[in-house]
Protein backbone atom coordinates (compact mmCIF):
# COMPACT_ATOMS: atom_id res chain seq x y z
CA MET A 1 0.00 0.00 0.00
CA LYS A 2 2.80 2.41 0.95
CA ASN A 3 4.65 1.53 -2.26
CA SER A 4 1.63 2.27 -4.45
CA ILE A 5 1.14 5.68 -2.77
CA LEU A 6 4.83 6.45 -3.24
CA VAL A 7 4.62 5.43 -6.92
CA LEU A 8 1.52 7.62 -7.38
CA VAL A 9 3.26 10.61 -5.78
CA LEU A 10 6.34 10.06 -7.95
CA LEU A 11 4.25 9.76 -11.12
CA THR A 12 2.39 12.96 -10.25
CA PHE A 13 5.68 14.75 -9.58
CA ILE A 14 7.20 13.50 -12.84
CA SER A 15 4.14 14.45 -14.89
CA CYS A 16 4.18 17.95 -13.37
CA GLN A 17 7.85 18.27 -14.25
CA GLN A 18 7.14 17.30 -17.86
CA SER A 19 4.50 19.98 -18.47
CA LYS A 20 5.75 22.52 -20.93
CA ILE A 21 4.02 25.89 -20.76
CA GLY A 22 4.41 28.91 -23.00
CA TYR A 23 2.45 32.06 -23.66
CA VAL A 24 1.63 34.37 -26.52
CA ASP A 25 1.00 38.11 -26.32
CA ASN A 26 -2.32 38.22 -28.21
CA VAL A 27 -2.19 41.95 -28.93
CA LYS A 28 1.38 41.88 -30.22
CA LEU A 29 0.65 38.77 -32.28
CA MET A 30 -2.45 40.19 -33.95
CA ASP A 31 -0.90 43.64 -34.49
CA GLY A 32 2.12 42.07 -36.17
CA TYR A 33 0.18 39.64 -38.34
CA GLN A 34 0.39 40.92 -41.92
CA GLU A 35 -2.88 39.40 -43.13
CA LYS A 36 -4.81 41.09 -40.30
CA THR A 37 -3.13 44.41 -41.06
CA GLU A 38 -4.04 44.14 -44.75
CA VAL A 39 -7.65 43.17 -44.03
CA GLU A 40 -8.01 46.13 -41.66
CA GLY A 41 -6.55 48.44 -44.30
CA LYS A 42 -8.87 47.07 -46.96
CA TYR A 43 -11.99 47.62 -44.88
CA LYS A 44 -10.82 51.02 -43.65
CA ALA A 45 -10.44 52.04 -47.30
CA LYS A 46 -13.97 50.78 -48.03
CA ALA A 47 -15.35 52.70 -45.04
CA ASP A 48 -13.51 55.85 -46.12
CA ALA A 49 -14.89 55.53 -49.67
CA LEU A 50 -18.39 55.11 -48.27
CA ALA A 51 -17.94 58.20 -46.08
CA LYS A 52 -16.85 60.22 -49.13
CA LYS A 53 -19.85 58.92 -51.08
CA SER A 54 -22.12 59.91 -48.19
CA ASP A 55 -20.60 63.40 -48.05
CA SER A 56 -21.02 63.84 -51.82
CA LEU A 57 -24.65 62.77 -51.73
CA SER A 58 -25.31 65.01 -48.75
CA GLN A 59 -23.79 67.97 -50.55
CA ALA A 60 -25.82 67.23 -53.70
CA LEU A 61 -29.03 67.09 -51.66
CA GLN A 62 -28.11 70.34 -49.92
CA ILE A 63 -27.58 72.05 -53.30
CA GLU A 64 -30.96 70.78 -54.51
CA TYR A 65 -32.58 72.04 -51.32
CA GLN A 66 -31.01 75.47 -51.70
CA ALA A 67 -32.06 75.63 -55.36
CA LEU A 68 -35.63 74.81 -54.32
CA GLN A 69 -35.59 77.51 -51.69
CA ALA A 70 -34.35 80.05 -54.22
CA LYS A 71 -37.11 79.32 -56.72
CA LYS A 72 -39.99 81.73 -56.77
CA GLN A 73 -42.96 79.42 -56.96
CA SER A 74 -46.11 78.73 -55.05
CA GLN A 75 -45.92 77.52 -51.47
CA ARG A 76 -47.76 74.33 -52.37
CA LYS A 77 -45.41 73.47 -55.24
CA THR A 78 -42.36 74.13 -53.05
CA GLN A 79 -43.74 71.89 -50.29
CA GLU A 80 -44.33 69.04 -52.76
CA GLU A 81 -40.82 69.32 -54.15
CA LEU A 82 -39.33 69.50 -50.65
CA GLN A 83 -41.24 66.36 -49.69
CA VAL A 84 -39.89 64.52 -52.75
CA LEU A 85 -36.39 65.72 -51.90
CA GLN A 86 -36.79 64.56 -48.28
CA GLN A 87 -37.93 61.09 -49.43
CA LYS A 88 -34.97 60.91 -51.77
CA GLY A 89 -32.65 61.80 -48.88
CA GLN A 90 -34.18 59.13 -46.64
CA PHE A 91 -33.87 56.51 -49.37
CA LEU A 92 -30.21 57.37 -49.98
CA GLY A 93 -29.55 57.33 -46.23
CA GLN A 94 -31.02 53.84 -45.95
CA GLN A 95 -28.91 52.63 -48.88
CA LEU A 96 -25.76 54.02 -47.28
CA GLN A 97 -26.59 52.39 -43.95
CA GLN A 98 -27.10 49.06 -45.68
CA GLU A 99 -23.76 49.38 -47.47
CA GLU A 100 -22.08 50.22 -44.17
CA ARG A 101 -23.61 47.17 -42.45
CA GLN A 102 -22.49 44.97 -45.34
CA ILE A 103 -18.92 46.28 -45.11
CA GLN A 104 -18.90 45.70 -41.35
CA GLN A 105 -20.24 42.16 -41.72
CA GLU A 106 -17.69 41.28 -44.39
CA GLY A 107 -14.90 42.71 -42.28
CA GLN A 108 -16.05 40.84 -39.18
CA THR A 109 -16.28 37.58 -41.12
CA GLN A 110 -12.72 37.99 -42.37
CA MET A 111 -11.44 38.95 -38.91
CA ASP A 112 -13.13 35.87 -37.42
CA SER A 113 -11.39 33.76 -40.06
CA ILE A 114 -8.04 35.33 -39.17
CA VAL A 115 -8.54 34.70 -35.45
CA SER A 116 -9.37 31.09 -36.25
CA LYS A 117 -6.17 30.74 -38.35
CA VAL A 118 -4.11 32.19 -35.51
CA LYS A 119 -5.63 29.81 -32.96
CA ASP A 120 -5.04 26.85 -35.29
CA GLU A 121 -1.41 27.88 -35.81
CA ILE A 122 -0.84 28.26 -32.06
CA LYS A 123 -2.32 24.79 -31.51
CA ALA A 124 -0.18 23.28 -34.28
CA TYR A 125 2.93 24.96 -32.86
CA GLY A 126 2.14 23.66 -29.39
CA GLU A 127 1.60 20.10 -30.60
CA ALA A 128 4.71 20.12 -32.79
CA ASN A 129 6.92 21.46 -30.00
CA GLY A 130 5.59 19.42 -27.08
CA TYR A 131 3.74 22.15 -25.19
CA THR A 132 1.14 21.09 -22.66
CA TYR A 133 -0.31 24.61 -22.52
CA ILE A 134 0.06 27.83 -24.46
CA LEU A 135 -1.61 30.70 -22.63
CA GLY A 136 -2.79 34.03 -24.00
CA GLY A 137 -1.27 37.23 -22.62
CA GLY A 138 -1.51 40.91 -23.43
CA GLU A 139 -4.64 42.99 -22.94
CA GLY A 140 -7.40 40.82 -21.57
CA GLY A 141 -5.09 37.82 -21.48
CA SER A 142 -4.68 35.35 -18.67
CA VAL A 143 -0.90 35.67 -18.21
CA LEU A 144 -0.01 38.20 -15.56
CA TYR A 145 3.65 37.25 -15.61
CA GLY A 146 5.75 34.98 -17.74
CA GLN A 147 9.47 34.57 -18.27
CA ASP A 148 10.66 35.87 -21.60
CA ALA A 149 11.98 32.41 -22.41
CA ASN A 150 8.38 31.14 -22.40
CA ASP A 151 7.12 33.91 -24.72
CA LEU A 152 6.30 32.27 -28.06
CA THR A 153 4.85 35.37 -29.71
CA GLU A 154 7.70 36.07 -32.12
CA GLN A 155 8.09 32.44 -33.23
CA ILE A 156 4.38 32.05 -33.97
CA LEU A 157 4.18 35.48 -35.61
CA LYS A 158 7.04 34.55 -37.94
CA ILE A 159 5.31 31.30 -38.90
CA LEU A 160 1.99 33.08 -39.56
CA ASN A 161 3.59 35.82 -41.67
CA ASP A 162 5.74 33.35 -43.61
CA LYS A 163 2.67 31.24 -44.41
CA TYR A 164 0.70 34.34 -45.40
CA LYS A 165 3.45 35.51 -47.77
CA ASN A 166 3.32 32.15 -49.53
């Protein structure tokens, strides 16, 4: 009985000694990942183009409104034309909102795909290099302290960027 307890304690001690733990700074990893940077740039460009389009349409509607105000016509006729212009503005506003939602959804879908790739690569790295655990650090991470020797961020970032380049 004493021998089996001693063996159990030794096995527990040995298995604890064999655990290999590393961590990744999530923020640094994602900020340095080229694919993520390019996707963000792509969707920022789309959002900027949509903002310019919105500004142009707004200016065009404002010019039409001012032209209507300048016309010397009956009150009733002016009201009808203003109502048509208002409906046109509402319709264009709805279209722009829909485009914005679509851009956001596409961007979110691509970002979710990138996060999934990163997680898969971390898992593959851990399995290939005998890690029992790889923890996430950085903002909102679970690592409050880790020795620099256990920081795998740069190695995994290099692998991700090399794969993305190819």
